[in-house]
Amino acid sequence: MNFSQSFPPLSKERETGSRRTKSLCDIQLSPKIKFDVKKEGKINIRNPAFHLSVLSSGNFWASNSWGDLILFDKEGNVLKKITTNVVDAMGYHTTTIERKLLFTVAKTKTIFQVTSELTSSKIILCEEWEPGAIHSSCINGDMLVGMIKNKEFKVTRFSKEGKKLQVIQRDEKGNNLYKSINYITENINGDICTSDNTAHRVVGVTRSGQHRFFYFGLQSQSAFHPNGIRTDRLGHILVCNSYCSLFRNNSSVHLLDMDGQFLSLLLPPDQCPKKPRALFLDDQDSLMVGGEDSSTVIVYKYLQMKENN
């Protein structure tokens, strides 16, 4: 199947890696955009956040390690709660364009959809494979799901109606692309980016499933444990490094370009929550980060439009 029909056509500036990077740099240096990160506040959610899914109203779903999915408002008030019994899972929920909640249950090999009235229904039974990390495309509503069977991993694309469209598992030489799939997201050009904590790398593939890049972190940080991953409206990739020991704190958020090349430490260790896992960018360019050892979600202003002088 030709998946280019599912996406808007790419401009010529995005056809090659070098030209794509130049295009992003041009956008970054635009006089109307201020590329900066400033702490705006924190939200007490009383439990560590392992993953976040944000609604357009500013409310957000947060999951912990005990299987609770909780809907909070901007002040940290609990609005709704779902007990999923999904323990120690990471990126297992997402919100759709229609603002419905999707979550996976590996044990029953099922993907559930939850409406605003908290009525849930099975939409996909995954047969032999266990679903894990999930992302709902903002481009066309497709579901991208990380799946495991017999210690092998793959990404499966489903339509929003639940029809299987695509499987991504190996590169052009037949090698497995994934040793784990902890979190998954999609870039503005349709690239699928996943954090692979077992292999200590970020994996990027094109929208047609061809391998595009691996990112292994910084040599200066000595250890890279990637977890939460998102992309911004300019095509940058943001990924958490959760490594933190008694002797070395690498807790940080890395900023990559669309080709998986390192740009900067967006949040260095002295500014980042320890052991960050949950990461989300909302439609107002606010960055939300939750840590494994913290019961608060830190909110930063990420991109700002400069005021005219």
C-alpha atoms as a PDB file:
ATOM      1  CA  MET A   1       0.000   0.000   0.000  1.00  0.00           C
ATOM      2  CA  ASN A   2       1.245   3.493  -0.862  1.00  0.00           C
ATOM      3  CA  PHE A   3       1.022   5.497   2.340  1.00  0.00           C
ATOM      4  CA  SER A   4       2.002   8.757   0.671  1.00  0.00           C
ATOM      5  CA  GLN A   5      -1.668   9.134  -0.108  1.00  0.00           C
ATOM      6  CA  SER A   6      -2.403   9.459   3.620  1.00  0.00           C
ATOM      7  CA  PHE A   7      -0.247  12.547   4.092  1.00  0.00           C
ATOM      8  CA  PRO A   8       0.057  16.017   2.594  1.00  0.00           C
ATOM      9  CA  PRO A   9       2.757  16.131  -0.120  1.00  0.00           C
ATOM     10  CA  LEU A  10       6.200  17.147   1.135  1.00  0.00           C
ATOM     11  CA  SER A  11       7.748  20.331  -0.159  1.00  0.00           C
ATOM     12  CA  LYS A  12      11.022  20.128  -2.078  1.00  0.00           C
ATOM     13  CA  GLU A  13      12.853  21.599   0.916  1.00  0.00           C
ATOM     14  CA  ARG A  14      12.012  18.418   2.856  1.00  0.00           C
ATOM     15  CA  GLU A  15      13.080  15.849   0.279  1.00  0.00           C
ATOM     16  CA  THR A  16      16.710  15.506   1.412  1.00  0.00           C
ATOM     17  CA  GLY A  17      18.371  15.544   4.804  1.00  0.00           C
ATOM     18  CA  SER A  18      20.623  18.534   4.147  1.00  0.00           C
ATOM     19  CA  ARG A  19      17.881  20.654   2.622  1.00  0.00           C
ATOM     20  CA  ARG A  20      15.475  19.667   5.394  1.00  0.00           C
ATOM     21  CA  THR A  21      17.935  20.749   8.083  1.00  0.00           C
ATOM     22  CA  LYS A  22      18.489  24.082   6.331  1.00  0.00           C
ATOM     23  CA  SER A  23      14.747  24.637   6.184  1.00  0.00           C
ATOM     24  CA  LEU A  24      14.409  24.030   9.940  1.00  0.00           C
ATOM     25  CA  CYS A  25      17.299  26.372  10.717  1.00  0.00           C
ATOM     26  CA  ASP A  26      15.613  29.058   8.670  1.00  0.00           C
ATOM     27  CA  ILE A  27      12.464  28.609  10.724  1.00  0.00           C
ATOM     28  CA  GLN A  28      14.395  28.660  14.011  1.00  0.00           C
ATOM     29  CA  LEU A  29      16.066  31.944  13.117  1.00  0.00           C
ATOM     30  CA  SER A  30      12.862  33.626  12.026  1.00  0.00           C
ATOM     31  CA  PRO A  31      12.629  37.047  13.741  1.00  0.00           C
ATOM     32  CA  LYS A  32       9.042  36.269  14.727  1.00  0.00           C
ATOM     33  CA  ILE A  33       9.890  33.144  16.750  1.00  0.00           C
ATOM     34  CA  LYS A  34      11.750  33.087  20.044  1.00  0.00           C
ATOM     35  CA  PHE A  35      13.325  29.689  20.635  1.00  0.00           C
ATOM     36  CA  ASP A  36      13.521  29.556  24.433  1.00  0.00           C
ATOM     37  CA  VAL A  37      12.475  27.513  27.449  1.00  0.00           C
ATOM     38  CA  LYS A  38      11.232  29.197  30.605  1.00  0.00           C
ATOM     39  CA  LYS A  39       9.648  27.553  33.614  1.00  0.00           C
ATOM     40  CA  GLU A  40       6.050  28.667  34.035  1.00  0.00           C
ATOM     41  CA  GLY A  41       4.962  26.617  37.014  1.00  0.00           C
ATOM     42  CA  LYS A  42       4.223  23.157  38.324  1.00  0.00           C
ATOM     43  CA  ILE A  43       1.130  21.028  38.811  1.00  0.00           C
ATOM     44  CA  ASN A  44       0.859  18.708  41.809  1.00  0.00           C
ATOM     45  CA  ILE A  45      -0.689  15.407  40.695  1.00  0.00           C
ATOM     46  CA  ARG A  46       0.189  13.476  43.885  1.00  0.00           C
ATOM     47  CA  ASN A  47       1.772  10.546  41.995  1.00  0.00           C
ATOM     48  CA  PRO A  48       4.695  10.266  39.561  1.00  0.00           C
ATOM     49  CA  ALA A  49       3.629  10.677  35.940  1.00  0.00           C
ATOM     50  CA  PHE A  50       4.870   8.009  33.547  1.00  0.00           C
ATOM     51  CA  HIS A  51       3.008   9.402  30.526  1.00  0.00           C
ATOM     52  CA  LEU A  52       0.855  12.398  29.595  1.00  0.00           C
ATOM     53  CA  SER A  53      -1.917  12.894  27.041  1.00  0.00           C
ATOM     54  CA  VAL A  54      -3.221  16.456  26.800  1.00  0.00           C
ATOM     55  CA  LEU A  55      -6.623  17.779  25.743  1.00  0.00           C
ATOM     56  CA  SER A  56      -7.109  21.068  23.912  1.00  0.00           C
ATOM     57  CA  SER A  57      -8.835  22.599  26.950  1.00  0.00           C
ATOM     58  CA  GLY A  58      -5.607  22.366  28.942  1.00  0.00           C
ATOM     59  CA  ASN A  59      -6.790  19.315  30.867  1.00  0.00           C
ATOM     60  CA  PHE A  60      -4.520  16.287  30.673  1.00  0.00           C
ATOM     61  CA  TRP A  61      -4.505  12.563  31.326  1.00  0.00           C
ATOM     62  CA  ALA A  62      -1.612  11.252  33.449  1.00  0.00           C
ATOM     63  CA  SER A  63      -0.758   7.625  34.135  1.00  0.00           C
ATOM     64  CA  ASN A  64       1.281   6.239  37.013  1.00  0.00           C
ATOM     65  CA  SER A  65       2.989   2.892  37.587  1.00  0.00           C
ATOM     66  CA  TRP A  66      -0.072   1.341  39.305  1.00  0.00           C
ATOM     67  CA  GLY A  67      -2.476   1.347  36.379  1.00  0.00           C
ATOM     68  CA  ASP A  68      -4.379   4.555  37.120  1.00  0.00           C
ATOM     69  CA  LEU A  69      -5.316   6.936  34.316  1.00  0.00           C
ATOM     70  CA  ILE A  70      -6.347  10.272  35.846  1.00  0.00           C
ATOM     71  CA  LEU A  71      -7.720  13.379  34.164  1.00  0.00           C
ATOM     72  CA  PHE A  72      -6.456  16.624  35.749  1.00  0.00           C
ATOM     73  CA  ASP A  73      -7.180  20.276  35.104  1.00  0.00           C
ATOM     74  CA  LYS A  74      -4.499  22.982  34.965  1.00  0.00           C
ATOM     75  CA  GLU A  75      -4.543  23.380  38.749  1.00  0.00           C
ATOM     76  CA  GLY A  76      -4.102  19.677  39.447  1.00  0.00           C
ATOM     77  CA  ASN A  77      -7.699  18.963  40.420  1.00  0.00           C
ATOM     78  CA  VAL A  78      -8.885  15.423  39.638  1.00  0.00           C
ATOM     79  CA  LEU A  79     -11.725  15.427  37.113  1.00  0.00           C
ATOM     80  CA  LYS A  80     -11.992  11.747  36.200  1.00  0.00           C
ATOM     81  CA  LYS A  81     -10.215   8.503  36.948  1.00  0.00           C
ATOM     82  CA  ILE A  82      -9.954   5.153  35.145  1.00  0.00           C
ATOM     83  CA  THR A  83      -8.379   2.056  36.684  1.00  0.00           C
ATOM     84  CA  THR A  84      -6.797   0.110  33.830  1.00  0.00           C
ATOM     85  CA  ASN A  85      -4.720  -2.461  35.762  1.00  0.00           C
ATOM     86  CA  VAL A  86      -1.904  -1.708  33.306  1.00  0.00           C
ATOM     87  CA  VAL A  87       1.093  -1.800  35.662  1.00  0.00           C
ATOM     88  CA  ASP A  88       4.517  -0.262  34.926  1.00  0.00           C
ATOM     89  CA  ALA A  89       3.548   0.600  31.346  1.00  0.00           C
ATOM     90  CA  MET A  90       4.925   3.725  29.742  1.00  0.00           C
ATOM     91  CA  GLY A  91       3.444   5.320  26.613  1.00  0.00           C
ATOM     92  CA  TYR A  92       0.267   3.250  26.575  1.00  0.00           C
ATOM     93  CA  HIS A  93      -2.321   6.013  26.071  1.00  0.00           C
ATOM     94  CA  THR A  94      -2.979   8.873  23.664  1.00  0.00           C
ATOM     95  CA  THR A  95      -5.694  11.348  22.711  1.00  0.00           C
ATOM     96  CA  THR A  96      -7.200  11.556  19.239  1.00  0.00           C
ATOM     97  CA  ILE A  97      -8.028  14.524  17.011  1.00  0.00           C
ATOM     98  CA  GLU A  98     -11.610  14.164  18.302  1.00  0.00           C
ATOM     99  CA  ARG A  99     -10.223  14.310  21.885  1.00  0.00           C
ATOM    100  CA  LYS A 100     -11.097  10.737  22.696  1.00  0.00           C
ATOM    101  CA  LEU A 101      -8.743   8.737  24.892  1.00  0.00           C
ATOM    102  CA  LEU A 102      -7.126   5.544  23.585  1.00  0.00           C
ATOM    103  CA  PHE A 103      -5.220   3.093  25.743  1.00  0.00           C
ATOM    104  CA  THR A 104      -3.723  -0.347  25.275  1.00  0.00           C
ATOM    105  CA  VAL A 105      -3.921  -3.395  27.535  1.00  0.00           C
ATOM    106  CA  ALA A 106      -1.128  -5.829  26.741  1.00  0.00           C
ATOM    107  CA  LYS A 107      -2.533  -8.672  28.838  1.00  0.00           C
ATOM    108  CA  THR A 108      -5.780  -8.862  26.860  1.00  0.00           C
ATOM    109  CA  LYS A 109      -4.128  -7.763  23.560  1.00  0.00           C
ATOM    110  CA  THR A 110      -6.720  -5.008  23.229  1.00  0.00           C
ATOM    111  CA  ILE A 111      -6.916  -1.317  22.351  1.00  0.00           C
ATOM    112  CA  PHE A 112      -9.717   0.603  24.084  1.00  0.00           C
ATOM    113  CA  GLN A 113     -11.393   3.885  23.217  1.00  0.00           C
ATOM    114  CA  VAL A 114     -12.877   6.110  25.923  1.00  0.00           C
ATOM    115  CA  THR A 115     -15.393   8.870  25.242  1.00  0.00           C
ATOM    116  CA  SER A 116     -15.836  12.037  27.309  1.00  0.00           C
ATOM    117  CA  GLU A 117     -18.611  10.245  29.218  1.00  0.00           C
ATOM    118  CA  LEU A 118     -16.058   7.600  30.293  1.00  0.00           C
ATOM    119  CA  THR A 119     -17.743   4.872  28.313  1.00  0.00           C
ATOM    120  CA  SER A 120     -15.108   2.559  26.920  1.00  0.00           C
ATOM    121  CA  SER A 121     -15.248   0.097  24.069  1.00  0.00           C
ATOM    122  CA  LYS A 122     -12.846  -2.330  22.458  1.00  0.00           C
ATOM    123  CA  ILE A 123     -11.864  -1.131  19.031  1.00  0.00           C
ATOM    124  CA  ILE A 124      -9.028  -3.516  18.148  1.00  0.00           C
ATOM    125  CA  LEU A 125      -8.237  -7.057  19.245  1.00  0.00           C
ATOM    126  CA  CYS A 126      -4.578  -7.554  18.402  1.00  0.00           C
ATOM    127  CA  GLU A 127      -4.646 -11.365  18.213  1.00  0.00           C
ATOM    128  CA  GLU A 128      -1.146 -12.771  18.876  1.00  0.00           C
ATOM    129  CA  TRP A 129       0.728  -9.512  19.476  1.00  0.00           C
ATOM    130  CA  GLU A 130       0.596  -7.459  22.694  1.00  0.00           C
ATOM    131  CA  PRO A 131       0.060  -3.712  22.169  1.00  0.00           C
ATOM    132  CA  GLY A 132       2.072  -1.208  24.197  1.00  0.00           C
ATOM    133  CA  ALA A 133       3.020   2.348  23.290  1.00  0.00           C
ATOM    134  CA  ILE A 134       0.429   4.145  21.157  1.00  0.00           C
ATOM    135  CA  HIS A 135       0.148   7.451  19.298  1.00  0.00           C
ATOM    136  CA  SER A 136      -2.810   8.915  17.441  1.00  0.00           C
ATOM    137  CA  SER A 137      -1.733  10.827  14.336  1.00  0.00           C
ATOM    138  CA  CYS A 138      -2.564  14.521  14.176  1.00  0.00           C
ATOM    139  CA  ILE A 139      -2.141  14.291  10.390  1.00  0.00           C
ATOM    140  CA  ASN A 140      -4.802  11.725   9.523  1.00  0.00           C
ATOM    141  CA  GLY A 141      -6.029  10.068  12.725  1.00  0.00           C
ATOM    142  CA  ASP A 142      -4.173   6.778  12.175  1.00  0.00           C
ATOM    143  CA  MET A 143      -3.053   4.841  15.249  1.00  0.00           C
ATOM    144  CA  LEU A 144       0.640   3.922  15.558  1.00  0.00           C
ATOM    145  CA  VAL A 145       1.085   1.073  18.019  1.00  0.00           C
ATOM    146  CA  GLY A 146       4.238  -0.549  19.371  1.00  0.00           C
ATOM    147  CA  MET A 147       3.701  -4.303  19.713  1.00  0.00           C
ATOM    148  CA  ILE A 148       5.594  -7.293  21.136  1.00  0.00           C
ATOM    149  CA  LYS A 149       5.519 -11.057  20.633  1.00  0.00           C
ATOM    150  CA  ASN A 150       8.212 -13.522  21.703  1.00  0.00           C
ATOM    151  CA  LYS A 151      10.595 -10.639  22.486  1.00  0.00           C
ATOM    152  CA  GLU A 152      10.245  -9.208  18.986  1.00  0.00           C
ATOM    153  CA  PHE A 153       8.896  -5.691  18.453  1.00  0.00           C
ATOM    154  CA  LYS A 154       7.148  -3.935  15.608  1.00  0.00           C
ATOM    155  CA  VAL A 155       5.118  -0.803  14.882  1.00  0.00           C
ATOM    156  CA  THR A 156       1.674  -1.394  13.412  1.00  0.00           C
ATOM    157  CA  ARG A 157      -0.395   1.315  11.783  1.00  0.00           C
ATOM    158  CA  PHE A 158      -4.180   1.077  12.118  1.00  0.00           C
ATOM    159  CA  SER A 159      -6.808   3.355  10.666  1.00  0.00           C
ATOM    160  CA  LYS A 160      -8.952   5.141  13.232  1.00  0.00           C
ATOM    161  CA  GLU A 161     -11.656   2.572  12.404  1.00  0.00           C
ATOM    162  CA  GLY A 162      -9.272  -0.224  13.458  1.00  0.00           C
ATOM    163  CA  LYS A 163      -8.160  -1.574  10.069  1.00  0.00           C
ATOM    164  CA  LYS A 164      -4.539  -2.750   9.904  1.00  0.00           C
ATOM    165  CA  LEU A 165      -2.672  -0.694   7.293  1.00  0.00           C
ATOM    166  CA  GLN A 166       1.058  -1.207   7.776  1.00  0.00           C
ATOM    167  CA  VAL A 167       3.688  -3.149   9.734  1.00  0.00           C
ATOM    168  CA  ILE A 168       7.201  -1.798  10.399  1.00  0.00           C
ATOM    169  CA  GLN A 169       9.648  -4.253  11.906  1.00  0.00           C
ATOM    170  CA  ARG A 170      12.903  -4.624   9.934  1.00  0.00           C
ATOM    171  CA  ASP A 171      15.291  -2.496   7.910  1.00  0.00           C
ATOM    172  CA  GLU A 172      16.197  -3.059   4.251  1.00  0.00           C
ATOM    173  CA  LYS A 173      18.769  -5.704   5.275  1.00  0.00           C
ATOM    174  CA  GLY A 174      16.250  -7.669   7.311  1.00  0.00           C
ATOM    175  CA  ASN A 175      17.573  -6.587  10.716  1.00  0.00           C
ATOM    176  CA  ASN A 176      15.131  -5.860  13.527  1.00  0.00           C
ATOM    177  CA  LEU A 177      14.724  -2.123  14.008  1.00  0.00           C
ATOM    178  CA  TYR A 178      13.523  -2.340  17.601  1.00  0.00           C
ATOM    179  CA  LYS A 179      14.693  -4.029  20.801  1.00  0.00           C
ATOM    180  CA  SER A 180      11.901  -2.286  22.708  1.00  0.00           C
ATOM    181  CA  ILE A 181       9.293   0.392  22.015  1.00  0.00           C
ATOM    182  CA  ASN A 182       8.691   2.500  25.092  1.00  0.00           C
ATOM    183  CA  TYR A 183       7.145   5.658  23.622  1.00  0.00           C
ATOM    184  CA  ILE A 184       6.099   6.564  20.102  1.00  0.00           C
ATOM    185  CA  THR A 185       5.309   9.764  18.207  1.00  0.00           C
ATOM    186  CA  GLU A 186       5.015  11.153  14.683  1.00  0.00           C
ATOM    187  CA  ASN A 187       6.745  14.127  13.080  1.00  0.00           C
ATOM    188  CA  ILE A 188       5.224  16.747  10.781  1.00  0.00           C
ATOM    189  CA  ASN A 189       6.621  14.962   7.704  1.00  0.00           C
ATOM    190  CA  GLY A 190       5.135  11.602   8.730  1.00  0.00           C
ATOM    191  CA  ASP A 191       8.349  10.145  10.216  1.00  0.00           C
ATOM    192  CA  ILE A 192       7.689   7.713  13.072  1.00  0.00           C
ATOM    193  CA  CYS A 193      10.005   8.211  16.066  1.00  0.00           C
ATOM    194  CA  THR A 194      10.262   5.767  18.959  1.00  0.00           C
ATOM    195  CA  SER A 195      12.321   5.563  22.132  1.00  0.00           C
ATOM    196  CA  ASP A 196      14.080   2.217  22.527  1.00  0.00           C
ATOM    197  CA  ASN A 197      15.314   2.007  26.114  1.00  0.00           C
ATOM    198  CA  THR A 198      16.730  -1.488  25.723  1.00  0.00           C
ATOM    199  CA  ALA A 199      18.985  -0.452  22.838  1.00  0.00           C
ATOM    200  CA  HIS A 200      19.563   3.024  24.367  1.00  0.00           C
ATOM    201  CA  ARG A 201      18.547   4.847  21.202  1.00  0.00           C
ATOM    202  CA  VAL A 202      15.864   6.751  19.357  1.00  0.00           C
ATOM    203  CA  VAL A 203      14.686   5.066  16.151  1.00  0.00           C
ATOM    204  CA  GLY A 204      13.392   7.123  13.234  1.00  0.00           C
ATOM    205  CA  VAL A 205      11.679   5.626  10.184  1.00  0.00           C
ATOM    206  CA  THR A 206       9.927   7.280   7.261  1.00  0.00           C
ATOM    207  CA  ARG A 207       6.172   7.216   6.858  1.00  0.00           C
ATOM    208  CA  SER A 208       6.615   4.284   4.458  1.00  0.00           C
ATOM    209  CA  GLY A 209       8.615   2.352   7.079  1.00  0.00           C
ATOM    210  CA  GLN A 210      12.183   2.815   5.799  1.00  0.00           C
ATOM    211  CA  HIS A 211      14.878   3.238   8.425  1.00  0.00           C
ATOM    212  CA  ARG A 212      16.078   6.853   8.577  1.00  0.00           C
ATOM    213  CA  PHE A 213      18.214   7.344  11.681  1.00  0.00           C
ATOM    214  CA  PHE A 214      19.331   6.131  15.083  1.00  0.00           C
ATOM    215  CA  TYR A 215      20.170   8.602  17.847  1.00  0.00           C
ATOM    216  CA  PHE A 216      22.329   7.245  20.696  1.00  0.00           C
ATOM    217  CA  GLY A 217      22.539  10.277  22.976  1.00  0.00           C
ATOM    218  CA  LEU A 218      25.627  12.269  23.950  1.00  0.00           C
ATOM    219  CA  GLN A 219      29.015  10.734  24.702  1.00  0.00           C
ATOM    220  CA  SER A 220      29.492  13.342  27.409  1.00  0.00           C
ATOM    221  CA  GLN A 221      26.474  11.976  29.305  1.00  0.00           C
ATOM    222  CA  SER A 222      27.917   8.427  29.405  1.00  0.00           C
ATOM    223  CA  ALA A 223      24.456   6.782  29.504  1.00  0.00           C
ATOM    224  CA  PHE A 224      21.285   7.301  27.476  1.00  0.00           C
ATOM    225  CA  HIS A 225      17.951   5.927  28.686  1.00  0.00           C
ATOM    226  CA  PRO A 226      15.379   7.436  26.290  1.00  0.00           C
ATOM    227  CA  ASN A 227      11.749   7.545  27.346  1.00  0.00           C
ATOM    228  CA  GLY A 228       9.106  10.204  26.621  1.00  0.00           C
ATOM    229  CA  ILE A 229       9.326  11.539  23.074  1.00  0.00           C
ATOM    230  CA  ARG A 230       7.409  14.244  21.190  1.00  0.00           C
ATOM    231  CA  THR A 231       7.808  16.504  18.153  1.00  0.00           C
ATOM    232  CA  ASP A 232       7.022  20.200  17.834  1.00  0.00           C
ATOM    233  CA  ARG A 233       5.272  22.189  15.114  1.00  0.00           C
ATOM    234  CA  LEU A 234       8.618  22.969  13.459  1.00  0.00           C
ATOM    235  CA  GLY A 235       9.638  19.316  13.144  1.00  0.00           C
ATOM    236  CA  HIS A 236      12.112  19.137  16.036  1.00  0.00           C
ATOM    237  CA  ILE A 237      12.244  15.962  18.145  1.00  0.00           C
ATOM    238  CA  LEU A 238      12.259  16.184  21.950  1.00  0.00           C
ATOM    239  CA  VAL A 239      13.253  13.131  23.982  1.00  0.00           C
ATOM    240  CA  CYS A 240      13.814  12.485  27.698  1.00  0.00           C
ATOM    241  CA  ASN A 241      17.008  10.936  29.008  1.00  0.00           C
ATOM    242  CA  SER A 242      15.941   9.280  32.266  1.00  0.00           C
ATOM    243  CA  TYR A 243      19.330   8.023  33.413  1.00  0.00           C
ATOM    244  CA  CYS A 244      20.085   9.058  36.987  1.00  0.00           C
ATOM    245  CA  SER A 245      22.327   7.202  39.453  1.00  0.00           C
ATOM    246  CA  LEU A 246      24.077   8.035  42.721  1.00  0.00           C
ATOM    247  CA  PHE A 247      27.168   8.977  40.755  1.00  0.00           C
ATOM    248  CA  ARG A 248      25.765  10.533  37.593  1.00  0.00           C
ATOM    249  CA  ASN A 249      22.632  12.520  36.827  1.00  0.00           C
ATOM    250  CA  ASN A 250      21.861  12.627  33.098  1.00  0.00           C
ATOM    251  CA  SER A 251      18.218  13.652  33.584  1.00  0.00           C
ATOM    252  CA  SER A 252      17.569  15.930  30.616  1.00  0.00           C
ATOM    253  CA  VAL A 253      15.482  16.647  27.552  1.00  0.00           C
ATOM    254  CA  HIS A 254      17.385  16.456  24.259  1.00  0.00           C
ATOM    255  CA  LEU A 255      16.440  18.534  21.230  1.00  0.00           C
ATOM    256  CA  LEU A 256      17.052  16.932  17.814  1.00  0.00           C
ATOM    257  CA  ASP A 257      16.409  18.129  14.307  1.00  0.00           C
ATOM    258  CA  MET A 258      14.146  16.276  11.884  1.00  0.00           C
ATOM    259  CA  ASP A 259      17.067  14.062  10.806  1.00  0.00           C
ATOM    260  CA  GLY A 260      17.808  12.867  14.338  1.00  0.00           C
ATOM    261  CA  GLN A 261      20.856  15.108  14.768  1.00  0.00           C
ATOM    262  CA  PHE A 262      21.538  16.613  18.190  1.00  0.00           C
ATOM    263  CA  LEU A 263      20.888  20.359  18.488  1.00  0.00           C
ATOM    264  CA  SER A 264      21.012  21.104  22.208  1.00  0.00           C
ATOM    265  CA  LEU A 265      20.083  20.047  25.724  1.00  0.00           C
ATOM    266  CA  LEU A 266      16.723  21.748  25.897  1.00  0.00           C
ATOM    267  CA  LEU A 267      16.561  20.958  29.628  1.00  0.00           C
ATOM    268  CA  PRO A 268      19.981  20.143  31.134  1.00  0.00           C
ATOM    269  CA  PRO A 269      20.219  18.135  34.391  1.00  0.00           C
ATOM    270  CA  ASP A 270      20.158  21.208  36.643  1.00  0.00           C
ATOM    271  CA  GLN A 271      16.868  22.378  35.079  1.00  0.00           C
ATOM    272  CA  CYS A 272      15.115  19.062  34.429  1.00  0.00           C
ATOM    273  CA  PRO A 273      13.020  16.899  36.793  1.00  0.00           C
ATOM    274  CA  LYS A 274      14.964  13.827  37.853  1.00  0.00           C
ATOM    275  CA  LYS A 275      14.325  10.684  35.817  1.00  0.00           C
ATOM    276  CA  PRO A 276      11.959  12.365  33.331  1.00  0.00           C
ATOM    277  CA  ARG A 277       9.546   9.999  31.595  1.00  0.00           C
ATOM    278  CA  ALA A 278       6.377  11.902  30.704  1.00  0.00           C
ATOM    279  CA  LEU A 279       6.691  14.557  28.009  1.00  0.00           C
ATOM    280  CA  PHE A 280       4.076  16.535  26.111  1.00  0.00           C
ATOM    281  CA  LEU A 281       3.791  19.683  23.982  1.00  0.00           C
ATOM    282  CA  ASP A 282       0.342  21.226  23.782  1.00  0.00           C
ATOM    283  CA  ASP A 283      -1.096  23.396  21.011  1.00  0.00           C
ATOM    284  CA  GLN A 284      -0.072  26.540  22.923  1.00  0.00           C
ATOM    285  CA  ASP A 285       3.634  25.537  22.812  1.00  0.00           C
ATOM    286  CA  SER A 286       3.741  24.702  26.504  1.00  0.00           C
ATOM    287  CA  LEU A 287       6.091  21.861  27.390  1.00  0.00           C
ATOM    288  CA  MET A 288       5.024  19.520  30.212  1.00  0.00           C
ATOM    289  CA  VAL A 289       7.535  17.174  31.863  1.00  0.00           C
ATOM    290  CA  GLY A 290       6.879  14.583  34.552  1.00  0.00           C
ATOM    291  CA  GLY A 291       9.536  12.616  36.427  1.00  0.00           C
ATOM    292  CA  GLU A 292       9.633   9.112  37.835  1.00  0.00           C
ATOM    293  CA  ASP A 293      10.640  10.399  41.284  1.00  0.00           C
ATOM    294  CA  SER A 294       8.313  13.401  41.442  1.00  0.00           C
ATOM    295  CA  SER A 295       4.615  13.947  42.063  1.00  0.00           C
ATOM    296  CA  THR A 296       4.598  17.203  40.092  1.00  0.00           C
ATOM    297  CA  VAL A 297       4.444  18.015  36.395  1.00  0.00           C
ATOM    298  CA  ILE A 298       6.648  20.976  35.458  1.00  0.00           C
ATOM    299  CA  VAL A 299       5.309  23.344  32.804  1.00  0.00           C
ATOM    300  CA  TYR A 300       7.655  25.354  30.588  1.00  0.00           C
ATOM    301  CA  LYS A 301       7.038  27.873  27.835  1.00  0.00           C
ATOM    302  CA  TYR A 302       8.780  26.374  24.835  1.00  0.00           C
ATOM    303  CA  LEU A 303       8.294  28.525  21.710  1.00  0.00           C
ATOM    304  CA  GLN A 304       7.132  32.101  21.787  1.00  0.00           C
ATOM    305  CA  MET A 305       6.173  34.546  19.060  1.00  0.00           C
ATOM    306  CA  LYS A 306       8.164  37.755  19.448  1.00  0.00           C
ATOM    307  CA  GLU A 307       6.204  40.934  19.921  1.00  0.00           C
ATOM    308  CA  ASN A 308       6.680  43.664  17.318  1.00  0.00           C
ATOM    309  CA  ASN A 309       8.894  46.497  18.481  1.00  0.00           C
END
